[in-house]
């Protein structure tokens, strides 16, 4: 079982530390590693993501992303985490919490990606466990939603392995790779999490 070994929620120093991975918000100094891993995995990632802009990997685009997530996390609307291997701090992927809604819904959405060479090695499963703990214990939310393309087998497997339940199909939910596409919608509730602890 993944254990959240440390948790720090000071401004700009949030860290989720597990057995094999460390998650923390992006910093401006991460641009070189982030852009390098994205470039290496471009052909692998593009079928599952919105169409990349011409300047997708440029430093200016990355700085805008960091600033946007700093602003959104300050207002409790979204949180971004870069994923690093604990043993050598190698950057390997990203997991974002978005669409945070309070009031009577207490819900959020998650999205993620991981470098192809780490697919199927348990790194994303551990990252999901750390983020679930953060969402339920620190953000005090009740529901997590995730959506993926029906033919994205790796993503389907990781969600099912980590206890997410299929709710159905959302028609033409997101414009992925420049085409509006149906998505399989999943949910994970606080009750699901509590019953496993």
Protein backbone atom coordinates (compact mmCIF):
# COMPACT_ATOMS: atom_id res chain seq x y z
CA UNK A 1 0.00 0.00 0.00
CA UNK A 2 1.25 3.50 -0.84
CA UNK A 3 1.84 5.67 2.20
CA UNK A 4 1.89 9.45 2.09
CA UNK A 5 5.25 9.77 3.85
CA UNK A 6 5.33 13.54 4.08
CA UNK A 7 2.98 16.38 3.38
CA UNK A 8 3.86 20.05 3.28
CA UNK A 9 1.23 22.60 2.35
CA UNK A 10 3.09 25.88 2.77
CA UNK A 11 2.71 28.30 -0.11
CA UNK A 12 4.84 27.15 -3.09
CA UNK A 13 6.27 24.17 -1.16
CA UNK A 14 3.55 21.55 -1.38
CA UNK A 15 5.06 18.04 -1.61
CA UNK A 16 3.47 14.58 -1.67
CA UNK A 17 6.16 12.03 -0.90
CA UNK A 18 5.57 8.30 -1.34
CA UNK A 19 7.72 5.16 -1.49
CA UNK A 20 8.90 5.59 -5.08
CA UNK A 21 7.65 8.97 -6.25
CA UNK A 22 7.65 12.58 -5.16
CA UNK A 23 4.96 14.97 -6.37
CA UNK A 24 5.31 18.75 -6.17
CA UNK A 25 4.08 21.83 -8.04
CA UNK A 26 6.03 22.90 -11.13
CA UNK A 27 8.73 25.54 -10.74
CA UNK A 28 10.26 27.74 -13.43
CA UNK A 29 13.51 25.75 -13.15
CA UNK A 30 11.67 22.56 -14.25
CA UNK A 31 11.21 23.81 -17.80
CA UNK A 32 14.26 22.08 -19.34
CA UNK A 33 13.41 18.64 -17.90
CA UNK A 34 9.68 19.05 -18.57
CA UNK A 35 10.17 20.09 -22.20
CA UNK A 36 12.77 17.38 -22.83
CA UNK A 37 10.53 14.57 -21.53
CA UNK A 38 7.51 15.96 -23.41
CA UNK A 39 9.53 16.17 -26.64
CA UNK A 40 10.84 12.61 -26.30
CA UNK A 41 7.28 11.34 -25.68
CA UNK A 42 5.53 13.57 -28.22
CA UNK A 43 4.32 10.82 -30.57
CA UNK A 44 3.25 8.70 -27.59
CA UNK A 45 1.27 11.50 -25.89
CA UNK A 46 -0.33 13.39 -28.78
CA UNK A 47 -3.13 10.88 -29.54
CA UNK A 48 -4.44 11.36 -25.96
CA UNK A 49 -4.07 15.13 -25.54
CA UNK A 50 -5.40 18.39 -26.95
CA UNK A 51 -3.52 19.54 -30.05
CA UNK A 52 -0.15 20.99 -29.07
CA UNK A 53 0.38 24.67 -29.87
CA UNK A 54 3.38 25.64 -32.07
CA UNK A 55 5.18 26.97 -28.97
CA UNK A 56 4.07 24.17 -26.64
CA UNK A 57 7.56 23.35 -25.37
CA UNK A 58 8.99 26.86 -25.27
CA UNK A 59 10.01 28.37 -21.95
CA UNK A 60 7.45 31.19 -22.26
CA UNK A 61 4.59 28.65 -22.50
CA UNK A 62 5.89 26.76 -19.48
CA UNK A 63 6.22 29.96 -17.44
CA UNK A 64 2.58 30.80 -18.28
CA UNK A 65 1.52 27.33 -17.09
CA UNK A 66 3.39 27.71 -13.81
CA UNK A 67 1.89 31.16 -13.19
CA UNK A 68 -1.61 29.95 -14.08
CA UNK A 69 -1.42 27.02 -11.65
CA UNK A 70 0.06 29.23 -8.91
CA UNK A 71 -2.93 31.53 -9.28
CA UNK A 72 -5.45 28.66 -9.43
CA UNK A 73 -4.00 26.88 -6.39
CA UNK A 74 -4.04 30.12 -4.38
CA UNK A 75 -7.77 30.40 -5.10
CA UNK A 76 -8.31 26.64 -4.49
CA UNK A 77 -9.47 26.01 -8.07
CA UNK A 78 -6.74 23.64 -9.31
CA UNK A 79 -3.41 22.07 -8.33
CA UNK A 80 -0.61 20.85 -10.57
CA UNK A 81 1.94 18.21 -9.60
CA UNK A 82 5.05 17.12 -11.45
CA UNK A 83 6.03 13.50 -10.75
CA UNK A 84 9.62 12.59 -9.92
CA UNK A 85 11.30 9.29 -9.11
CA UNK A 86 12.36 9.36 -5.47
CA UNK A 87 15.66 7.55 -6.02
CA UNK A 88 17.19 10.08 -8.41
CA UNK A 89 14.63 12.93 -8.72
CA UNK A 90 14.17 12.16 -12.43
CA UNK A 91 11.10 13.93 -13.84
CA UNK A 92 8.70 11.34 -15.29
CA UNK A 93 5.19 12.79 -15.61
CA UNK A 94 2.44 15.08 -14.39
CA UNK A 95 -0.86 14.84 -12.52
CA UNK A 96 -3.28 17.77 -12.32
CA UNK A 97 -6.33 18.42 -10.17
CA UNK A 98 -8.78 20.79 -11.84
CA UNK A 99 -12.42 21.88 -11.83
CA UNK A 100 -12.56 22.05 -8.04
CA UNK A 101 -16.13 22.76 -6.99
CA UNK A 102 -17.26 23.44 -3.45
CA UNK A 103 -20.75 23.88 -1.98
CA UNK A 104 -23.05 20.90 -2.30
CA UNK A 105 -20.89 19.07 -4.87
CA UNK A 106 -17.34 18.99 -3.32
CA UNK A 107 -15.84 17.55 -6.49
CA UNK A 108 -12.78 17.76 -8.74
CA UNK A 109 -11.37 16.30 -11.95
CA UNK A 110 -7.94 14.79 -12.51
CA UNK A 111 -5.77 14.40 -15.59
CA UNK A 112 -2.33 12.83 -15.92
CA UNK A 113 0.43 11.57 -18.18
CA UNK A 114 3.62 9.59 -17.68
CA UNK A 115 6.68 8.99 -19.84
CA UNK A 116 6.28 5.88 -21.97
CA UNK A 117 9.26 4.07 -20.42
CA UNK A 118 7.52 4.20 -17.01
CA UNK A 119 4.13 2.96 -18.20
CA UNK A 120 3.02 -0.14 -16.31
CA UNK A 121 5.65 0.11 -13.55
CA UNK A 122 3.30 1.33 -10.81
CA UNK A 123 4.56 4.93 -10.73
CA UNK A 124 1.23 6.41 -11.84
CA UNK A 125 -0.72 4.15 -9.46
CA UNK A 126 1.39 5.39 -6.57
CA UNK A 127 0.94 8.98 -7.73
CA UNK A 128 -2.83 8.50 -7.87
CA UNK A 129 -2.84 7.13 -4.32
CA UNK A 130 -0.90 10.14 -3.04
CA UNK A 131 -3.23 12.54 -4.82
CA UNK A 132 -6.35 10.75 -3.55
CA UNK A 133 -5.04 11.16 0.00
CA UNK A 134 -4.41 14.86 -0.66
CA UNK A 135 -7.85 15.38 -2.20
CA UNK A 136 -9.78 13.66 0.58
CA UNK A 137 -7.73 14.65 3.63
CA UNK A 138 -6.41 18.10 2.75
CA UNK A 139 -8.89 19.48 0.22
CA UNK A 140 -11.80 17.68 1.97
CA UNK A 141 -13.52 16.86 -1.31
CA UNK A 142 -16.05 14.06 -1.75
CA UNK A 143 -15.71 13.03 -5.40
CA UNK A 144 -12.97 12.67 -8.01
CA UNK A 145 -13.79 12.43 -11.69
CA UNK A 146 -11.53 11.21 -14.50
CA UNK A 147 -12.19 10.70 -18.19
CA UNK A 148 -10.21 8.96 -20.90
CA UNK A 149 -10.62 7.89 -24.48
CA UNK A 150 -12.27 4.44 -24.68
CA UNK A 151 -9.31 3.05 -26.67
CA UNK A 152 -6.66 4.39 -24.27
CA UNK A 153 -5.91 1.01 -22.69
CA UNK A 154 -3.09 2.13 -20.33
CA UNK A 155 -5.25 4.89 -18.84
CA UNK A 156 -8.29 2.60 -18.51
CA UNK A 157 -6.16 0.00 -16.73
CA UNK A 158 -4.62 2.43 -14.24
CA UNK A 159 -8.00 3.91 -13.30
CA UNK A 160 -9.66 0.51 -12.84
CA UNK A 161 -6.65 -0.81 -10.90
CA UNK A 162 -6.95 2.15 -8.54
CA UNK A 163 -10.61 1.67 -7.73
CA UNK A 164 -12.24 4.15 -10.10
CA UNK A 165 -15.72 3.12 -11.27
CA UNK A 166 -17.02 3.54 -14.81
CA UNK A 167 -20.08 5.79 -14.92
CA UNK A 168 -20.69 5.87 -18.67
CA UNK A 169 -19.75 7.68 -21.83
CA UNK A 170 -19.67 11.44 -22.29
CA UNK A 171 -20.27 12.18 -25.96
CA UNK A 172 -17.73 14.44 -27.68
CA UNK A 173 -16.50 15.57 -24.27
CA UNK A 174 -13.09 16.96 -25.19
CA UNK A 175 -11.27 18.05 -28.33
CA UNK A 176 -8.36 15.61 -28.35
CA UNK A 177 -5.72 15.69 -31.08
CA UNK A 178 -7.89 18.25 -32.93
CA UNK A 179 -11.03 16.08 -32.94
CA UNK A 180 -14.07 16.09 -30.61
CA UNK A 181 -14.09 12.64 -29.02
CA UNK A 182 -16.23 10.54 -26.72
CA UNK A 183 -14.73 9.73 -23.30
CA UNK A 184 -15.31 7.02 -20.73
CA UNK A 185 -16.13 8.77 -17.45
CA UNK A 186 -14.92 7.41 -14.10
CA UNK A 187 -15.50 8.43 -10.50
CA UNK A 188 -13.91 7.72 -7.14
CA UNK A 189 -15.68 8.71 -3.93
CA UNK A 190 -14.50 9.40 -0.41
CA UNK A 191 -16.55 6.37 0.67
CA UNK A 192 -14.54 4.16 -1.70
CA UNK A 193 -11.33 5.48 -0.16
CA UNK A 194 -12.53 5.22 3.44
CA UNK A 195 -13.68 1.62 3.01
CA UNK A 196 -10.16 0.56 1.96
CA UNK A 197 -8.40 2.17 4.92
